[in-house]
Amino acid sequence: MIGRWAKPSAPEAQGPMGFDDFDVRLGDVMRGERATMGKSLIDVQRDLKIKASYIAAIENADVSAFEAPGFIAGFVRSYARYLGMDPDQAFERFCREANFEVAHGMSAAASSSSLMAKCNRSESPRDSLANGSIVFGPTQESWLSRVEPGALGSFAVLVALIGALGYGGWSILQEVQRVQLAPVDQAPAVVAEIDPLSKVTPVPLEPTQEPVSDVAAASGVIADPLDRMARPQVLDVPVMTSRDGPIAAIDRSTVGAIASVDAVSPAPIPATEAGVQVVAEANPGVEILAVRPSWVQITAADGTVLFEKILDVGERYLVPPLQDAPRLRSGNSGSVYFVVNGQTFGPAAPGANVVKDVALSAENLSAAYRVADLTGDADLAEILSVADATGTTPAAPAEPPLE
């Protein structure tokens, strides 16, 4: 009866739900902003120097993860400022969702012990680190998850190939080292002979008619009976001939193996028809002879100084043979003569003049100068008359004078 007099309630209209109809918490907004920035919890920890567990506790509105409630306000404001949100509104919303109140520093509620006791009395404590849904970084995968089925087939083929190569090498090595023994028809026997001539029978002096063997007849070699008759009989005991006298008296050229060798006498040296040579042969080539002290300089065709010296009385210099004739430069040229193949030419120039650019070749000197007149220069005649005149050999090229 009472229900009759009550007015029926108007039914609520059930329409489609919009974005604002869902309960959007602060943690969802912060996760979205962090995902928009492309940052992980480890990146935020590296930038803000705040533990990743505290960042996850702020997103989950879990105050039990903090050691002291005094750090919660600073952490929430710093994280909201990092995400580009209003720090005061974010902290106010965090306090409303987490039922957190800022306590006075001197009150008992501000101590960490009361906060831990409150967390212990909670029916459903939430540990951000123990929650598997919170991902701080990439999870470590097992090594089995990284193995691909296609790689197993390739690995099996590689193992089979290595095994086949190893087995083939081992088989070849065994085949090379194998020793095969071929059977023989007759077993070897050890035979030792002390005297190899014990079975040799002496040939009798009387000629005997022996049949010719088939092998000798086939080879064409037939023993001669006369050879066997002329062969001396082998003595059983060697014949020793006694000798008297000292051993030093034995002539070795008449006994032993040397007696059968004919003495080789040296061939006689034929006597020469020419007489005894008492004068030394003239040196071939060109020589420079100084009858009085004279300065001479010999240069090559390229200007290299070959010889430079003051020649004394009777001193000679043998000009070295070169492809291009050397050149002469001399002072006191009236005392300088040229000896070409044992014949004297000159002088280089009359008087004490300086001569230069004289080609020291046999052809040039023979054509340019006359044979020296011994009557005109007494010193030259005296030097040539001495048999033991001093001769000089070509000296080493002198160093060019420094300018």
Foldseek 3Di string as FASTA:
>chain_A
DVVVVDDDDDDDDDDDDDPVVDDDALLNVLVVLCVVVVDFLVRVCVVVVDHSQLVLCLSVLAPLQDQFVVCNLVVQLVSCVVSVHHSVVSVVRSCVVNVDDDDDPPDPCRDSVVSNVVQVPDPDRDRSVPDPVRDRDDDDDDPVVVDDPVVVVVVVVVVVVVVVVVVVVVVVVCVVPDDDDDDDPDDDDDDDDDDPCPPPDWQDLDQDDDDDDPVCVVVVHDDDSVVSNPDDTDDPDDDDDDDDDDPVVDDPCCDDPNVPDDDDDDDDDDDDPDDDDDADFDDAFKKKFFQAFKWKWKAAPVGFTFDTDTDHHLEMEGQDDDPFFIKMKIFQQQRIWMQHRNFIWDRPDPGGHIDIGQGRGNVSRPVPTDGDDCVVDVSVVVSVVDRPRDYDYRDGGDHDDDD
